[in-house]
Amino acid sequence: MPWQPSADIHLLKQRTKVINQIRAFFDARDVLEVDTPVMSHYGVSDPHIDSIPVTFTPHGTSIGSSMYLMSSPEYAMKRLLAAGSGCIYQIAKAFRNGEAGRRHNPEFTLLEWYRLDFNLEQLMQEVACLIDTVLTDEVLEWHFWSYRKAFEEVLSIDPLTASDDAIKAKALAHVDIQMDDCTPRDTWLDLLMSHCIEPQLPAACFIYDYPASQAALARTGIDKRGNKVARRFEVYVNSIELANGYHELTDAQEQEQRFASDNAARSAMGKVPMAAEVRLIAALQAGLPECSGVALGVERLLMLASGEKDIAKVMAFNHHLA
């Protein structure tokens, strides 16, 4: 039976170097490192993410309580922000069911941080600075494209104003796939993004101002053409999706509505609804400060730094060897 690690020792040393660079980066900016639980009573409601369930059984009892390995430290970190922590970051283990491949492992490492009084543009600049700090072997020329610009540049269609039929027709013309007539608009947009746009992006690119229907935990705003958009971004380097950032939602009532919408979408997809994280709602009610936050995949950053194409090569043991 194989027992050796999936990564070479020199890559594990490079991993340590990158982690140290990350900590030095935030120490220099007076951002506090925190540590939150990886096991929680509440999973994530996002219909595109499946939490891994676990059972905790106290000694002397025969009935356990259902818990989940966290897919992100976001909920707990926002509770800290509401409690007055100030700017914080965390290098955390995260878990997602079903995600395995050359760029995915069910257990992985997230760098997540939150900056008080930062808008989306300020956070994008800081993310670019961090990546430049780690990827010193190449000088990245950063591009900042709106979601609309990306679609207009590559596919000559406005993703915010085009009809559902036009979006579907564009997807069917470029992606060889069979979908039913009830497929949501956002699914067609996601297909166009992954199959057509991502391969055509500049080598280092931020995509921001997504459709409002894709807001997740970001607030919404109005773009320069008067359309409602989600104030969030994603970062791509050499066609690898590296990070996902939000101008964070602070409205507790809106967050409750989004949890309900997520669960309606989960039910439509045949997935089990997830109980809303009531402690996050309570924290928002108490007052989440104005902030922006981002989660960055550490292994993916290591892949870029080392030139490796398989995530297993930059972690001591991938899930096949765990």
Protein backbone atom coordinates (compact mmCIF):
# COMPACT_ATOMS: atom_id res chain seq x y z
CA MET A 1 0.00 0.00 0.00
CA PRO A 2 1.42 3.46 -0.91
CA TRP A 3 2.53 5.39 2.15
CA GLN A 4 4.74 8.13 0.71
CA PRO A 5 3.53 11.75 0.60
CA SER A 6 1.99 13.12 -2.56
CA ALA A 7 4.33 16.16 -2.53
CA ASP A 8 8.11 16.20 -2.83
CA ILE A 9 9.92 17.49 0.24
CA HIS A 10 11.26 20.55 -1.63
CA LEU A 11 7.68 21.57 -2.42
CA LEU A 12 6.71 21.20 1.24
CA LYS A 13 9.58 23.55 2.06
CA GLN A 14 8.27 25.98 -0.56
CA ARG A 15 4.82 25.68 1.04
CA THR A 16 6.30 26.73 4.39
CA LYS A 17 8.03 29.66 2.72
CA VAL A 18 4.77 30.85 1.16
CA ILE A 19 2.88 30.53 4.46
CA ASN A 20 5.60 32.60 6.14
CA GLN A 21 5.33 35.23 3.38
CA ILE A 22 1.57 35.43 3.93
CA ARG A 23 1.98 35.92 7.67
CA ALA A 24 4.66 38.59 7.16
CA PHE A 25 2.39 40.37 4.67
CA PHE A 26 -0.43 40.70 7.20
CA ASP A 27 1.85 41.38 10.17
CA ALA A 28 3.21 44.39 8.27
CA ARG A 29 -0.36 45.65 7.84
CA ASP A 30 -1.37 45.04 11.47
CA VAL A 31 -4.01 42.46 10.53
CA LEU A 32 -4.76 40.02 13.36
CA GLU A 33 -4.41 36.28 12.76
CA VAL A 34 -7.33 34.29 14.19
CA ASP A 35 -8.29 30.63 14.52
CA THR A 36 -11.89 29.41 14.30
CA PRO A 37 -13.42 25.91 14.52
CA VAL A 38 -13.43 23.62 11.49
CA MET A 39 -16.49 21.81 12.89
CA SER A 40 -19.80 23.61 13.31
CA HIS A 41 -23.47 22.92 14.04
CA TYR A 42 -24.33 24.73 10.78
CA GLY A 43 -23.24 23.95 7.25
CA VAL A 44 -23.21 26.30 4.29
CA SER A 45 -26.41 26.98 2.34
CA ASP A 46 -24.74 27.81 -1.00
CA PRO A 47 -26.43 25.45 -3.51
CA HIS A 48 -23.11 24.91 -5.32
CA ILE A 49 -21.20 23.80 -2.19
CA ASP A 50 -21.84 20.60 -0.24
CA SER A 51 -20.68 20.50 3.38
CA ILE A 52 -19.27 17.26 4.78
CA PRO A 53 -21.42 16.01 7.70
CA VAL A 54 -19.91 14.56 10.88
CA THR A 55 -21.43 13.31 14.15
CA PHE A 56 -20.25 14.26 17.64
CA THR A 57 -21.21 11.76 20.34
CA PRO A 58 -20.38 12.75 23.94
CA HIS A 59 -19.01 10.03 26.23
CA GLY A 60 -21.75 8.16 28.05
CA THR A 61 -24.41 8.81 25.43
CA SER A 62 -25.63 6.81 22.47
CA ILE A 63 -27.09 9.68 20.46
CA GLY A 64 -24.80 12.11 18.69
CA SER A 65 -25.39 15.59 17.33
CA SER A 66 -25.02 16.34 13.65
CA MET A 67 -22.29 18.81 12.74
CA TYR A 68 -20.39 19.84 9.60
CA LEU A 69 -16.80 20.34 8.58
CA MET A 70 -16.62 23.95 7.47
CA SER A 71 -16.30 24.82 3.79
CA SER A 72 -14.97 28.24 4.79
CA PRO A 73 -14.31 30.10 8.06
CA GLU A 74 -16.52 32.97 6.84
CA TYR A 75 -19.42 32.65 9.27
CA ALA A 76 -17.21 32.44 12.36
CA MET A 77 -14.91 35.22 11.20
CA LYS A 78 -17.87 37.54 10.68
CA ARG A 79 -18.97 36.81 14.25
CA LEU A 80 -15.51 37.93 15.38
CA LEU A 81 -15.79 41.09 13.28
CA ALA A 82 -19.15 41.90 14.86
CA ALA A 83 -17.55 41.38 18.30
CA GLY A 84 -14.96 44.06 17.57
CA SER A 85 -11.93 42.10 16.37
CA GLY A 86 -10.83 44.65 13.80
CA CYS A 87 -9.15 43.50 10.57
CA ILE A 88 -8.48 39.76 10.66
CA TYR A 89 -7.08 36.91 8.60
CA GLN A 90 -6.93 33.15 8.91
CA ILE A 91 -5.07 30.28 7.24
CA ALA A 92 -7.72 27.59 7.67
CA LYS A 93 -8.46 24.02 6.70
CA ALA A 94 -11.66 23.84 4.66
CA PHE A 95 -13.73 20.88 3.46
CA ARG A 96 -16.09 20.41 0.52
CA ASN A 97 -17.86 17.22 -0.41
CA GLY A 98 -17.52 15.84 -3.93
CA GLU A 99 -14.69 18.14 -4.99
CA ALA A 100 -11.72 16.09 -6.22
CA GLY A 101 -9.49 16.51 -9.26
CA ARG A 102 -6.33 18.18 -10.50
CA ARG A 103 -7.38 21.52 -8.98
CA HIS A 104 -9.63 20.26 -6.18
CA ASN A 105 -9.17 18.24 -3.00
CA PRO A 106 -12.00 17.67 -0.48
CA GLU A 107 -9.70 19.00 2.26
CA PHE A 108 -7.73 22.11 1.37
CA THR A 109 -6.30 25.32 2.81
CA LEU A 110 -7.99 28.71 2.57
CA LEU A 111 -6.48 32.08 3.29
CA GLU A 112 -9.40 34.29 4.25
CA TRP A 113 -9.20 37.90 5.37
CA TYR A 114 -11.45 40.87 6.14
CA ARG A 115 -10.56 44.55 5.93
CA LEU A 116 -12.67 47.14 7.75
CA ASP A 117 -13.69 50.21 5.71
CA PHE A 118 -12.25 48.72 2.49
CA ASN A 119 -14.34 48.92 -0.64
CA LEU A 120 -14.09 46.29 -3.37
CA GLU A 121 -11.49 48.23 -5.36
CA GLN A 122 -9.19 48.63 -2.35
CA LEU A 123 -9.41 44.93 -1.57
CA MET A 124 -8.65 43.96 -5.18
CA GLN A 125 -5.49 46.05 -5.02
CA GLU A 126 -4.42 44.36 -1.80
CA VAL A 127 -5.09 40.89 -3.25
CA ALA A 128 -2.93 41.78 -6.27
CA CYS A 129 -0.18 42.98 -3.93
CA LEU A 130 -0.24 39.72 -1.94
CA ILE A 131 -0.07 37.59 -5.08
CA ASP A 132 2.80 39.69 -6.41
CA THR A 133 4.60 39.15 -3.10
CA VAL A 134 4.44 35.36 -3.52
CA LEU A 135 4.82 35.01 -7.29
CA THR A 136 8.17 36.73 -7.55
CA ASP A 137 9.41 34.76 -10.57
CA GLU A 138 7.14 36.66 -12.95
CA VAL A 139 5.91 40.23 -13.24
CA LEU A 140 2.14 40.14 -13.54
CA GLU A 141 0.32 42.81 -15.51
CA TRP A 142 -3.02 43.08 -13.74
CA HIS A 143 -6.26 43.65 -15.62
CA PHE A 144 -9.57 44.62 -14.02
CA TRP A 145 -12.58 43.63 -16.11
CA SER A 146 -16.22 43.88 -15.18
CA TYR A 147 -18.25 40.70 -15.72
CA ARG A 148 -20.04 42.56 -18.51
CA LYS A 149 -16.76 43.55 -20.20
CA ALA A 150 -15.54 39.94 -20.14
CA PHE A 151 -18.68 38.74 -21.95
CA GLU A 152 -18.65 41.62 -24.40
CA GLU A 153 -14.95 41.18 -25.21
CA VAL A 154 -15.08 37.41 -25.73
CA LEU A 155 -18.68 36.67 -26.76
CA SER A 156 -20.12 40.02 -27.92
CA ILE A 157 -23.12 39.77 -25.60
CA ASP A 158 -24.21 41.78 -22.56
CA PRO A 159 -24.79 39.21 -19.77
CA LEU A 160 -26.81 41.68 -17.68
CA THR A 161 -29.37 42.79 -20.25
CA ALA A 162 -29.56 40.02 -22.87
CA SER A 163 -32.70 37.86 -22.76
CA ASP A 164 -32.68 34.38 -21.24
CA ASP A 165 -33.20 32.93 -24.71
CA ALA A 166 -30.22 34.86 -26.08
CA ILE A 167 -27.98 33.65 -23.26
CA LYS A 168 -29.13 30.06 -23.79
CA ALA A 169 -28.61 30.29 -27.56
CA LYS A 170 -25.10 31.68 -27.07
CA ALA A 171 -24.24 28.82 -24.70
CA LEU A 172 -25.60 26.15 -27.04
CA ALA A 173 -23.60 27.67 -29.90
CA HIS A 174 -20.33 27.42 -27.98
CA VAL A 175 -20.71 24.53 -25.52
CA ASP A 176 -21.50 20.97 -26.56
CA ILE A 177 -23.94 20.07 -23.80
CA GLN A 178 -27.55 18.96 -23.41
CA MET A 179 -29.64 20.74 -20.76
CA ASP A 180 -33.36 20.72 -20.07
CA ASP A 181 -35.68 23.65 -20.78
CA CYS A 182 -35.83 24.59 -17.08
CA THR A 183 -32.10 25.25 -16.78
CA PRO A 184 -31.64 28.59 -14.93
CA ARG A 185 -30.07 31.60 -16.61
CA ASP A 186 -27.12 31.56 -14.22
CA THR A 187 -26.25 27.99 -15.20
CA TRP A 188 -25.95 29.04 -18.85
CA LEU A 189 -23.83 32.03 -17.81
CA ASP A 190 -21.58 29.78 -15.70
CA LEU A 191 -21.08 27.46 -18.68
CA LEU A 192 -20.09 30.37 -20.90
CA MET A 193 -17.74 31.70 -18.24
CA SER A 194 -15.95 28.39 -17.64
CA HIS A 195 -15.84 27.12 -21.25
CA CYS A 196 -15.41 30.31 -23.27
CA ILE A 197 -14.32 33.27 -21.17
CA GLU A 198 -11.87 31.90 -18.59
CA PRO A 199 -9.51 30.49 -21.27
CA GLN A 200 -9.48 33.90 -23.01
CA LEU A 201 -8.77 36.08 -19.97
CA PRO A 202 -5.52 38.02 -19.60
CA ALA A 203 -2.85 36.15 -17.62
CA ALA A 204 -3.67 38.09 -14.44
CA CYS A 205 -7.24 39.32 -14.24
CA PHE A 206 -9.91 40.40 -11.78
CA ILE A 207 -13.53 39.92 -12.82
CA TYR A 208 -15.93 42.08 -10.78
CA ASP A 209 -19.58 43.21 -10.63
CA TYR A 210 -21.29 39.88 -11.25
CA PRO A 211 -25.03 39.58 -11.93
CA ALA A 212 -27.04 40.40 -8.81
CA SER A 213 -28.45 36.86 -8.85
CA GLN A 214 -24.91 35.60 -8.09
CA ALA A 215 -24.36 37.81 -5.03
CA ALA A 216 -23.93 34.97 -2.48
CA LEU A 217 -22.90 36.89 0.69
CA ALA A 218 -21.95 40.11 -1.13
CA ARG A 219 -23.97 43.31 -1.17
CA THR A 220 -25.46 44.59 -4.39
CA GLY A 221 -24.97 47.92 -6.12
CA ILE A 222 -25.64 49.79 -9.37
CA ASP A 223 -23.05 49.78 -12.16
CA LYS A 224 -22.21 52.66 -14.52
CA ARG A 225 -25.00 51.66 -16.92
CA GLY A 226 -27.64 51.55 -14.21
CA ASN A 227 -27.85 47.77 -13.79
CA LYS A 228 -28.02 46.02 -10.44
CA VAL A 229 -24.87 43.97 -9.83
CA ALA A 230 -23.26 41.91 -7.09
CA ARG A 231 -20.30 43.73 -5.57
CA ARG A 232 -17.95 40.79 -5.68
CA PHE A 233 -14.90 39.67 -7.64
CA GLU A 234 -12.96 36.61 -8.66
CA VAL A 235 -9.25 36.46 -9.47
CA TYR A 236 -7.70 34.44 -12.30
CA VAL A 237 -3.98 33.89 -12.86
CA ASN A 238 -2.94 31.80 -15.86
CA SER A 239 -6.58 30.62 -16.15
CA ILE A 240 -6.59 29.32 -12.54
CA GLU A 241 -9.41 30.70 -10.38
CA LEU A 242 -7.53 31.81 -7.29
CA ALA A 243 -9.75 33.91 -5.04
CA ASN A 244 -13.31 35.13 -4.46
CA GLY A 245 -13.99 38.43 -2.72
CA TYR A 246 -17.05 40.39 -1.52
CA HIS A 247 -18.04 43.83 -0.37
CA GLU A 248 -19.71 42.14 2.56
CA LEU A 249 -23.44 42.13 3.17
CA THR A 250 -24.29 43.61 6.58
CA ASP A 251 -28.10 43.51 6.43
CA ALA A 252 -29.41 40.70 8.66
CA GLN A 253 -32.88 40.64 7.07
CA GLU A 254 -31.42 40.39 3.58
CA GLN A 255 -29.11 37.61 4.75
CA GLU A 256 -32.08 35.63 6.08
CA GLN A 257 -33.82 36.03 2.72
CA ARG A 258 -30.72 34.79 0.90
CA PHE A 259 -30.51 31.72 3.13
CA ALA A 260 -34.12 30.98 2.16
CA SER A 261 -33.37 31.52 -1.53
CA ASP A 262 -30.34 29.24 -1.30
CA ASN A 263 -32.45 26.48 0.21
CA ALA A 264 -35.12 26.87 -2.46
CA ALA A 265 -32.38 26.43 -5.06
CA ARG A 266 -30.99 23.42 -3.19
CA SER A 267 -34.42 21.80 -3.16
CA ALA A 268 -34.85 22.45 -6.89
CA MET A 269 -31.49 20.72 -7.45
CA GLY A 270 -32.54 17.71 -5.35
CA LYS A 271 -30.20 18.65 -2.49
CA VAL A 272 -30.96 18.70 1.23
CA PRO A 273 -31.78 22.21 2.56
CA MET A 274 -29.39 23.54 5.20
CA ALA A 275 -30.48 25.20 8.42
CA ALA A 276 -29.67 28.92 8.43
CA GLU A 277 -26.70 29.90 10.61
CA VAL A 278 -28.71 31.78 13.23
CA ARG A 279 -25.60 32.98 15.06
CA LEU A 280 -24.44 34.76 11.91
CA ILE A 281 -27.85 36.44 11.67
CA ALA A 282 -27.54 37.50 15.31
CA ALA A 283 -24.07 38.90 14.65
CA LEU A 284 -25.39 40.92 11.70
CA GLN A 285 -28.22 42.20 13.86
CA ALA A 286 -25.69 43.27 16.49
CA GLY A 287 -23.76 45.12 13.79
CA LEU A 288 -21.20 43.85 11.30
CA PRO A 289 -18.82 46.73 10.54
CA GLU A 290 -18.41 47.99 6.99
CA CYS A 291 -15.86 45.65 5.40
CA SER A 292 -14.72 43.67 2.40
CA GLY A 293 -13.40 40.12 2.55
CA VAL A 294 -11.79 37.50 0.34
CA ALA A 295 -10.95 33.80 0.36
CA LEU A 296 -7.89 32.60 -1.55
CA GLY A 297 -6.92 28.99 -2.24
CA VAL A 298 -3.45 28.45 -0.77
CA GLU A 299 -2.75 25.25 -2.71
CA ARG A 300 -3.69 26.96 -5.97
CA LEU A 301 -1.31 29.81 -5.13
CA LEU A 302 1.37 27.19 -4.47
CA MET A 303 0.62 25.55 -7.82
CA LEU A 304 1.29 28.87 -9.53
CA ALA A 305 4.44 29.51 -7.48
CA SER A 306 5.87 26.04 -8.21
CA GLY A 307 4.57 25.47 -11.73
CA GLU A 308 2.78 22.27 -10.67
CA LYS A 309 -0.43 21.33 -12.50
CA ASP A 310 -1.83 18.91 -9.91
CA ILE A 311 -2.97 20.05 -6.46
CA ALA A 312 -1.74 16.76 -4.95
CA LYS A 313 1.85 17.85 -5.66
CA VAL A 314 1.65 20.83 -3.29
CA MET A 315 0.08 19.12 -0.25
CA ALA A 316 1.69 16.49 1.97
CA PHE A 317 -1.07 13.94 1.41
CA ASN A 318 -3.99 14.30 -0.97
CA HIS A 319 -7.29 12.58 -0.17
CA HIS A 320 -6.25 9.29 -1.81
CA LEU A 321 -3.37 8.99 0.66
CA ALA A 322 -5.04 10.50 3.73
